[in-house]
């Protein structure tokens, strides 16, 4: 299935979930069903994302009946790129930027250098965007 958006729905949800967790007071956590409900994400989808974020040590959890998930990483250091990369973000503006792509026009092609530069700029920008600047709290919606 071809998608028309730059990031996947899963990546978008991961960004929103991380931003929400960044807004929790230190020492607090939220259970996944509640987090999913507040952000209008299916519980199953949210659980899968939390698992990936936990595996990457971005989030952690407290087990048990009254347990939940919290942001383990420092939101002042955690970048958008970190989360997107964890969820499988692979930016390639054009096939010609892939390592094994063969194009007879590549060496004289001005489009190749344009796309290469734009991709580099985007990656740099995503790495500079820290979650401390994107904290999402309930009063925001």
Protein backbone atom coordinates (compact mmCIF):
# COMPACT_ATOMS: atom_id res chain seq x y z
CA UNK A 1 0.00 0.00 0.00
CA UNK A 2 1.44 3.36 -1.04
CA UNK A 3 1.28 6.08 1.55
CA UNK A 4 1.07 9.76 0.79
CA UNK A 5 2.57 11.12 3.98
CA UNK A 6 6.23 11.62 4.76
CA UNK A 7 6.07 9.76 8.07
CA UNK A 8 3.95 6.74 8.86
CA UNK A 9 0.96 6.80 11.19
CA UNK A 10 2.98 4.72 13.66
CA UNK A 11 5.81 7.26 13.63
CA UNK A 12 3.35 10.13 14.14
CA UNK A 13 1.78 8.32 17.10
CA UNK A 14 5.22 7.61 18.58
CA UNK A 15 6.07 11.32 18.43
CA UNK A 16 2.78 12.26 20.11
CA UNK A 17 3.11 9.59 22.78
CA UNK A 18 6.67 10.66 23.57
CA UNK A 19 5.62 14.33 23.75
CA UNK A 20 2.80 13.40 26.15
CA UNK A 21 5.14 11.35 28.35
CA UNK A 22 7.58 14.28 28.36
CA UNK A 23 4.78 16.35 29.91
CA UNK A 24 4.22 14.05 32.87
CA UNK A 25 5.58 15.33 36.18
CA UNK A 26 8.82 13.64 37.27
CA UNK A 27 8.09 10.30 38.93
CA UNK A 28 4.63 9.91 37.40
CA UNK A 29 3.55 7.34 34.85
CA UNK A 30 0.43 6.47 32.88
CA UNK A 31 -0.98 3.12 31.86
CA UNK A 32 -1.02 2.34 28.15
CA UNK A 33 -4.82 2.09 27.75
CA UNK A 34 -5.25 5.56 29.28
CA UNK A 35 -2.41 7.00 27.18
CA UNK A 36 -3.94 5.49 24.05
CA UNK A 37 -7.40 6.85 24.87
CA UNK A 38 -6.11 10.36 25.58
CA UNK A 39 -4.25 10.48 22.26
CA UNK A 40 -6.96 8.73 20.20
CA UNK A 41 -4.77 5.74 19.38
CA UNK A 42 -5.86 2.12 19.50
CA UNK A 43 -4.61 0.25 22.57
CA UNK A 44 -3.00 -2.41 20.38
CA UNK A 45 -1.13 0.18 18.31
CA UNK A 46 -0.02 2.11 21.41
CA UNK A 47 1.25 -1.08 23.07
CA UNK A 48 3.34 -1.95 20.02
CA UNK A 49 4.86 1.56 19.97
CA UNK A 50 5.58 1.52 23.73
CA UNK A 51 7.35 -1.82 23.29
CA UNK A 52 9.63 -0.36 20.59
CA UNK A 53 10.32 2.78 22.63
CA UNK A 54 11.11 0.70 25.71
CA UNK A 55 13.45 -1.55 23.76
CA UNK A 56 15.34 1.60 22.66
CA UNK A 57 15.45 2.81 26.29
CA UNK A 58 13.37 5.87 25.45
CA UNK A 59 10.59 4.80 27.80
CA UNK A 60 10.39 2.46 30.74
CA UNK A 61 7.55 0.99 32.72
CA UNK A 62 6.36 0.16 36.20
CA UNK A 63 4.80 -3.30 36.32
CA UNK A 64 1.67 -4.32 38.17
CA UNK A 65 -1.98 -3.46 38.48
CA UNK A 66 -1.24 0.22 39.07
CA UNK A 67 1.78 0.38 36.79
CA UNK A 68 2.35 2.35 33.66
CA UNK A 69 4.83 3.85 31.25
CA UNK A 70 7.05 6.90 31.61
CA UNK A 71 9.73 8.72 29.64
CA UNK A 72 13.14 7.36 30.61
CA UNK A 73 15.19 9.53 28.25
CA UNK A 74 15.91 13.16 29.07
CA UNK A 75 13.52 15.27 26.95
CA UNK A 76 16.22 17.95 26.69
CA UNK A 77 18.47 15.45 24.90
CA UNK A 78 15.91 13.23 23.15
CA UNK A 79 15.39 14.30 19.54
CA UNK A 80 12.59 13.76 17.07
CA UNK A 81 15.06 11.79 15.00
CA UNK A 82 15.75 9.42 17.92
CA UNK A 83 12.07 8.48 18.15
CA UNK A 84 11.46 8.35 14.40
CA UNK A 85 14.55 6.19 13.89
CA UNK A 86 13.35 3.80 16.60
CA UNK A 87 10.05 3.38 14.76
CA UNK A 88 11.73 2.71 11.42
CA UNK A 89 11.99 6.13 9.78
CA UNK A 90 14.14 5.92 6.68
CA UNK A 91 14.28 9.22 4.85
CA UNK A 92 15.15 8.97 1.20
CA UNK A 93 13.87 11.80 -0.94
CA UNK A 94 14.73 9.93 -4.11
CA UNK A 95 15.78 6.40 -5.04
CA UNK A 96 19.06 7.77 -6.39
CA UNK A 97 20.16 8.44 -2.80
CA UNK A 98 20.09 4.73 -1.94
CA UNK A 99 23.53 3.08 -1.84
CA UNK A 100 22.90 0.40 -4.46
CA UNK A 101 20.86 2.52 -6.86
CA UNK A 102 22.34 2.67 -10.35
CA UNK A 103 21.58 5.63 -12.59
CA UNK A 104 23.36 6.43 -15.82
CA UNK A 105 22.75 10.16 -15.24
CA UNK A 106 23.91 10.33 -11.61
CA UNK A 107 27.33 11.94 -12.10
CA UNK A 108 26.12 14.89 -14.17
CA UNK A 109 22.72 15.15 -12.52
CA UNK A 110 21.93 18.32 -10.58
CA UNK A 111 18.84 16.77 -9.03
CA UNK A 112 20.96 14.19 -7.19
CA UNK A 113 22.98 16.83 -5.34
CA UNK A 114 19.80 18.83 -4.60
CA UNK A 115 18.05 15.82 -3.00
CA UNK A 116 21.21 14.82 -1.16
CA UNK A 117 21.51 18.28 0.39
CA UNK A 118 17.81 18.48 1.30
CA UNK A 119 17.95 15.08 2.99
CA UNK A 120 21.01 16.15 4.98
CA UNK A 121 19.28 19.38 6.09
CA UNK A 122 16.17 17.50 7.19
CA UNK A 123 18.14 14.97 9.22
CA UNK A 124 20.09 17.76 10.91
CA UNK A 125 16.87 19.58 11.76
CA UNK A 126 15.20 16.44 13.17
CA UNK A 127 18.25 15.81 15.34
CA UNK A 128 18.09 19.38 16.72
CA UNK A 129 14.39 19.19 17.66
CA UNK A 130 14.26 18.13 21.32
CA UNK A 131 11.15 16.88 23.10
CA UNK A 132 11.52 19.49 25.81
CA UNK A 133 10.27 21.92 23.13
CA UNK A 134 7.32 19.72 22.16
CA UNK A 135 5.84 18.76 25.53
CA UNK A 136 2.19 17.80 25.16
CA UNK A 137 -0.14 18.11 28.13
CA UNK A 138 -3.86 17.43 28.40
CA UNK A 139 -4.62 21.14 28.57
CA UNK A 140 -3.04 21.45 25.08
CA UNK A 141 -6.03 19.64 23.57
